[in-house]
Each structure stands twice: as structure tokens, then as C-alpha cells.
Amino acid sequence: MRRVCLIIAFVAVSVCGLPANVLHATEVYPLEIFTSNGPYYNSPDLDMYVAVFGVGNEPQIHFQFHNASSIESSMARVYFEDEEESFLGIAYITEGPGTHFGYPVSPGDLPGGDLLVPPFVTTREFCIGGGPPPSHNGINPGEWIQISFDLSNGGTVESVIDQLDTGAMRIGVHIIALPDGSSESAVVPEPATLLLLGLGTLALLRKRRQ
């Protein structure tokens, strides 16, 4: 997938109420379904993405997951593959309205992750899921959660984004409660990366699934 960059000097809007002038390196990655368990695996009505950003000079990186789908769906589990050991651990989880996330979860590996080349291998305890019932407490249409990690010594927001761009780090999600009851798995693909004025312009700038 061709990388698309819109480079700007200032972030004009806020993410989760944070002042725009403290955000940096905001990038947005679509989550692409790679399984085909039911008829919705290639539906244009499924639209999920993750925004990656830092705040000021804090030694943390934030991953904000959004479900912008127009059909029933729940992003029930999130998985990280961190080969470079960039994360010390999960600092905290910020839950948007309607969500309730905790960790660890079962299964501990991304369902269908062995279909990828190379296979997706979840790093340690870096798998987070919605509490029971996950179809209700996961990320449903119009909802979001934010997972924040402490960075390891020497790690930066920019270095993590570089790893996502090269595939050295991968993010996977398990999507359940589709209209026919099926489930699918998705990953951050060979990314189309957008440096945005902010999430308010995302609907116009983000490459949607065709």
C-alpha cells in the first residue's frame, strides 16, 4: 500500500480533550481484515483505525482505537507484537463511553495470526480485551479506547512509528458480533500513514476500505 503523508506544522484540534499544542507525531493507520470467516470480511461498512501519538515530552506512547463502522461490530481484543522491546509495559487504559477494557485476555494470540507471513506473535502480556460480555464492552460503532504504554529506555514515539511503518511492530485486533455472528481479525497493514491536522479531518483524509 502506498504511503500517503500530509505534513503539517501544527496540530489544529485535540485528541480526547488534550490541547492540540502538546500532541506530536500523530499518525493514523487503518486496520485491515485478513481473515474471511464470513460474508463481512470485505464489507466497506467495516471501518476501524488506530491513531498513534505522543504528548509533550512524556516517555509514553498512546494508541487510540476507533470503530467508525456503520454495521454491528465490536473490536473485542487488541494485540501488540513488539519485537524491538520498545515498551516497558502498559501505563494505563483510557476507556471511552460504552467500553470496559482489562488485561490479560484469552486467547493470548491473535486469532488467525498464524495465517500472516511471518505469523503474528503477541508480545508477553500485551493483549487487552473487553470485559464480559465483550460484544457489549468492546469497541462498538462510534466508540473508542486508548492504550498507553511506557517506553523503554531510549525509545521514542518516532522510533515506534518507524517500526510500525517497516513492519517491525504490528498491531492486531479481533472483531466479533458482526451481523451474522461471525468474527474476523485485522492488522495494521503495510501502512498508508496520514499526518493530520487532527482527528476532526480524518473522515476526509483517511483511506477507507474499498
Protein backbone atom coordinates (compact mmCIF):
# COMPACT_ATOMS: atom_id res chain seq x y z
CA MET A 1 0.00 0.00 0.00
CA ARG A 2 1.47 3.38 -0.98
CA ARG A 3 2.38 5.57 1.94
CA VAL A 4 0.45 8.83 1.95
CA CYS A 5 1.79 11.70 4.04
CA LEU A 6 0.27 15.09 4.71
CA ILE A 7 2.96 17.02 6.62
CA ILE A 8 1.89 19.98 8.73
CA ALA A 9 3.48 22.29 11.24
CA PHE A 10 0.78 22.37 13.88
CA VAL A 11 -1.94 20.05 15.15
CA ALA A 12 -5.10 22.09 14.98
CA VAL A 13 -7.53 20.01 17.03
CA SER A 14 -7.34 17.86 20.14
CA VAL A 15 -7.40 14.12 20.78
CA CYS A 16 -9.51 13.03 23.78
CA GLY A 17 -9.58 16.57 25.13
CA LEU A 18 -5.80 17.06 25.08
CA PRO A 19 -4.64 20.52 23.98
CA ALA A 20 -3.53 20.38 20.35
CA ASN A 21 -0.21 22.10 21.03
CA VAL A 22 1.04 19.26 23.27
CA LEU A 23 0.45 16.50 20.72
CA HIS A 24 3.15 15.35 18.35
CA ALA A 25 3.77 12.68 15.70
CA THR A 26 0.06 11.95 15.27
CA GLU A 27 -0.37 9.20 12.67
CA VAL A 28 -3.45 7.18 11.75
CA TYR A 29 -3.39 3.60 10.49
CA PRO A 30 -6.38 1.70 9.06
CA LEU A 31 -6.99 -1.79 10.40
CA GLU A 32 -7.31 -4.24 7.51
CA ILE A 33 -9.13 -7.57 7.86
CA PHE A 34 -7.04 -10.54 6.71
CA THR A 35 -9.35 -13.44 7.62
CA SER A 36 -12.51 -14.50 5.77
CA ASN A 37 -14.73 -16.25 8.28
CA GLY A 38 -17.99 -14.83 6.99
CA PRO A 39 -19.57 -12.51 4.41
CA TYR A 40 -18.48 -9.27 6.10
CA TYR A 41 -14.70 -9.67 5.84
CA ASN A 42 -14.52 -7.25 2.88
CA SER A 43 -17.52 -5.08 3.71
CA PRO A 44 -17.00 -1.35 3.08
CA ASP A 45 -19.24 -0.77 6.09
CA LEU A 46 -16.47 -2.00 8.42
CA ASP A 47 -14.18 0.92 9.19
CA MET A 48 -11.68 0.70 12.07
CA TYR A 49 -8.44 2.53 12.68
CA VAL A 50 -5.82 3.40 15.30
CA ALA A 51 -4.30 6.82 15.95
CA VAL A 52 -0.75 6.81 17.35
CA PHE A 53 0.64 9.88 19.12
CA GLY A 54 2.76 11.30 21.91
CA VAL A 55 2.02 14.07 24.38
CA GLY A 56 4.69 16.67 25.12
CA ASN A 57 7.96 15.18 26.35
CA GLU A 58 6.44 12.36 28.40
CA PRO A 59 8.12 8.93 27.95
CA GLN A 60 4.88 7.33 26.75
CA ILE A 61 3.12 6.47 23.51
CA HIS A 62 -0.64 6.33 23.06
CA PHE A 63 -2.73 4.13 20.76
CA GLN A 64 -6.32 5.27 20.30
CA PHE A 65 -8.56 2.66 18.66
CA HIS A 66 -11.76 3.76 16.90
CA ASN A 67 -14.67 1.86 15.41
CA ALA A 68 -16.27 4.04 12.72
CA SER A 69 -18.26 1.16 11.17
CA SER A 70 -21.84 1.56 10.04
CA ILE A 71 -22.81 -2.05 10.86
CA GLU A 72 -22.88 -4.06 14.06
CA SER A 73 -19.36 -4.94 15.15
CA SER A 74 -17.21 -4.96 18.26
CA MET A 75 -13.43 -4.63 18.43
CA ALA A 76 -13.18 -7.05 21.34
CA ARG A 77 -9.43 -7.63 21.71
CA VAL A 78 -6.24 -5.77 20.84
CA TYR A 79 -2.81 -7.41 20.41
CA PHE A 80 0.70 -5.95 20.09
CA GLU A 81 3.76 -7.62 18.59
CA ASP A 82 6.80 -5.71 19.88
CA GLU A 83 9.93 -7.44 18.58
CA GLU A 84 12.17 -4.49 19.42
CA GLU A 85 11.03 -4.42 23.08
CA SER A 86 10.11 -0.76 22.85
CA PHE A 87 7.55 -0.98 25.66
CA LEU A 88 8.24 -1.32 29.37
CA GLY A 89 4.57 -2.09 29.94
CA ILE A 90 1.04 -0.76 29.83
CA ALA A 91 0.83 2.53 31.73
CA TYR A 92 -2.96 2.87 31.68
CA ILE A 93 -6.09 2.36 29.61
CA THR A 94 -8.49 5.23 28.91
CA GLU A 95 -12.00 3.96 28.24
CA GLY A 96 -14.38 5.87 26.04
CA PRO A 97 -18.11 5.84 26.81
CA GLY A 98 -19.64 2.38 26.42
CA THR A 99 -16.36 0.45 26.70
CA HIS A 100 -14.75 -1.51 29.51
CA PHE A 101 -11.29 -2.98 28.85
CA GLY A 102 -8.93 -5.02 31.01
CA TYR A 103 -5.97 -7.36 30.56
CA PRO A 104 -4.78 -10.07 30.06
CA VAL A 105 -7.24 -11.80 27.74
CA SER A 106 -7.76 -15.25 26.30
CA PRO A 107 -6.82 -16.34 23.71
CA GLY A 108 -3.43 -14.72 24.21
CA ASP A 109 -2.62 -14.78 20.50
CA LEU A 110 -4.39 -13.02 17.66
CA PRO A 111 -6.96 -15.45 16.19
CA GLY A 112 -5.79 -16.39 12.70
CA GLY A 113 -2.43 -14.69 13.27
CA ASP A 114 -0.61 -17.79 12.02
CA LEU A 115 -2.00 -17.02 8.55
CA LEU A 116 0.23 -13.97 8.30
CA VAL A 117 3.80 -14.07 6.98
CA PRO A 118 5.57 -14.04 9.33
CA PRO A 119 2.99 -15.31 11.84
CA PHE A 120 1.76 -12.74 14.34
CA VAL A 121 3.25 -13.47 17.80
CA THR A 122 1.80 -11.44 20.67
CA THR A 123 4.44 -9.98 22.97
CA ARG A 124 4.18 -11.09 26.60
CA GLU A 125 1.05 -9.68 28.23
CA PHE A 126 0.41 -7.07 25.54
CA CYS A 127 -3.10 -8.30 24.73
CA ILE A 128 -6.07 -6.33 26.01
CA GLY A 129 -9.76 -7.12 25.76
CA GLY A 130 -13.24 -6.00 26.67
CA GLY A 131 -14.75 -7.35 29.85
CA PRO A 132 -17.67 -9.79 29.73
CA PRO A 133 -19.67 -9.66 27.63
CA PRO A 134 -17.02 -8.48 25.15
CA SER A 135 -19.65 -7.84 22.47
CA HIS A 136 -21.05 -5.12 24.74
CA ASN A 137 -17.88 -3.82 26.43
CA GLY A 138 -15.67 -3.90 23.33
CA ILE A 139 -15.31 -1.01 20.91
CA ASN A 140 -18.65 -0.78 19.11
CA PRO A 141 -19.54 1.69 16.33
CA GLY A 142 -18.90 5.25 17.45
CA GLU A 143 -16.74 4.15 20.40
CA TRP A 144 -13.01 4.26 21.21
CA ILE A 145 -10.40 3.28 23.76
CA GLN A 146 -6.85 4.47 24.33
CA ILE A 147 -4.00 2.19 25.41
CA SER A 148 -0.92 4.00 26.73
CA PHE A 149 2.50 2.36 27.09
CA ASP A 150 5.60 3.42 28.98
CA LEU A 151 8.52 3.47 26.55
CA SER A 152 11.70 1.52 27.28
CA ASN A 153 15.00 3.33 27.74
CA GLY A 154 15.87 5.22 24.58
CA GLY A 155 12.53 4.55 22.89
CA THR A 156 10.62 7.43 21.35
CA VAL A 157 7.25 7.94 19.74
CA GLU A 158 9.02 8.48 16.42
CA SER A 159 11.01 5.23 16.69
CA VAL A 160 7.84 3.24 17.41
CA ILE A 161 6.12 4.81 14.41
CA ASP A 162 9.13 3.89 12.28
CA GLN A 163 8.74 0.28 13.46
CA LEU A 164 5.06 0.30 12.51
CA ASP A 165 5.96 1.69 9.10
CA THR A 166 8.51 -1.06 8.46
CA GLY A 167 6.51 -3.93 10.00
CA ALA A 168 8.97 -4.45 12.87
CA MET A 169 5.99 -3.78 15.16
CA ARG A 170 2.47 -4.95 14.39
CA ILE A 171 -0.95 -4.35 15.91
CA GLY A 172 -3.81 -6.81 15.58
CA VAL A 173 -7.46 -6.74 16.63
CA HIS A 174 -10.21 -9.35 16.89
CA ILE A 175 -13.62 -8.19 15.68
CA ILE A 176 -16.73 -10.01 16.91
CA ALA A 177 -20.53 -9.57 16.90
CA LEU A 178 -20.84 -8.98 13.16
CA PRO A 179 -24.44 -9.02 11.88
CA ASP A 180 -24.36 -12.77 11.13
CA GLY A 181 -22.49 -13.62 14.35
CA SER A 182 -19.16 -14.20 12.63
CA SER A 183 -15.80 -12.78 13.70
CA GLU A 184 -12.70 -11.56 11.86
CA SER A 185 -9.15 -10.47 12.61
CA ALA A 186 -7.40 -7.37 11.31
CA VAL A 187 -3.94 -5.82 11.47
CA VAL A 188 -2.22 -2.56 10.76
CA PRO A 189 -1.21 -3.23 7.12
CA GLU A 190 1.71 -2.02 5.08
CA PRO A 191 0.58 1.39 6.16
CA ALA A 192 -0.97 4.31 4.42
CA THR A 193 0.09 6.85 7.03
CA LEU A 194 -1.55 10.21 7.45
CA LEU A 195 -0.03 13.11 9.37
CA LEU A 196 -3.18 15.03 10.15
CA LEU A 197 -4.35 18.38 11.36
CA GLY A 198 -6.24 16.20 13.81
CA LEU A 199 -8.87 13.51 14.07
CA GLY A 200 -11.54 16.03 13.07
CA THR A 201 -10.29 15.86 9.46
CA LEU A 202 -9.90 12.08 9.50
CA ALA A 203 -13.13 11.35 7.61
CA LEU A 204 -11.86 13.39 4.66
CA LEU A 205 -8.24 12.25 4.67
CA ARG A 206 -8.27 8.62 5.78
CA LYS A 207 -8.17 5.95 3.05
CA ARG A 208 -11.30 3.89 3.62
CA ARG A 209 -11.61 0.21 2.80
CA GLN A 210 -12.91 -0.35 -0.72
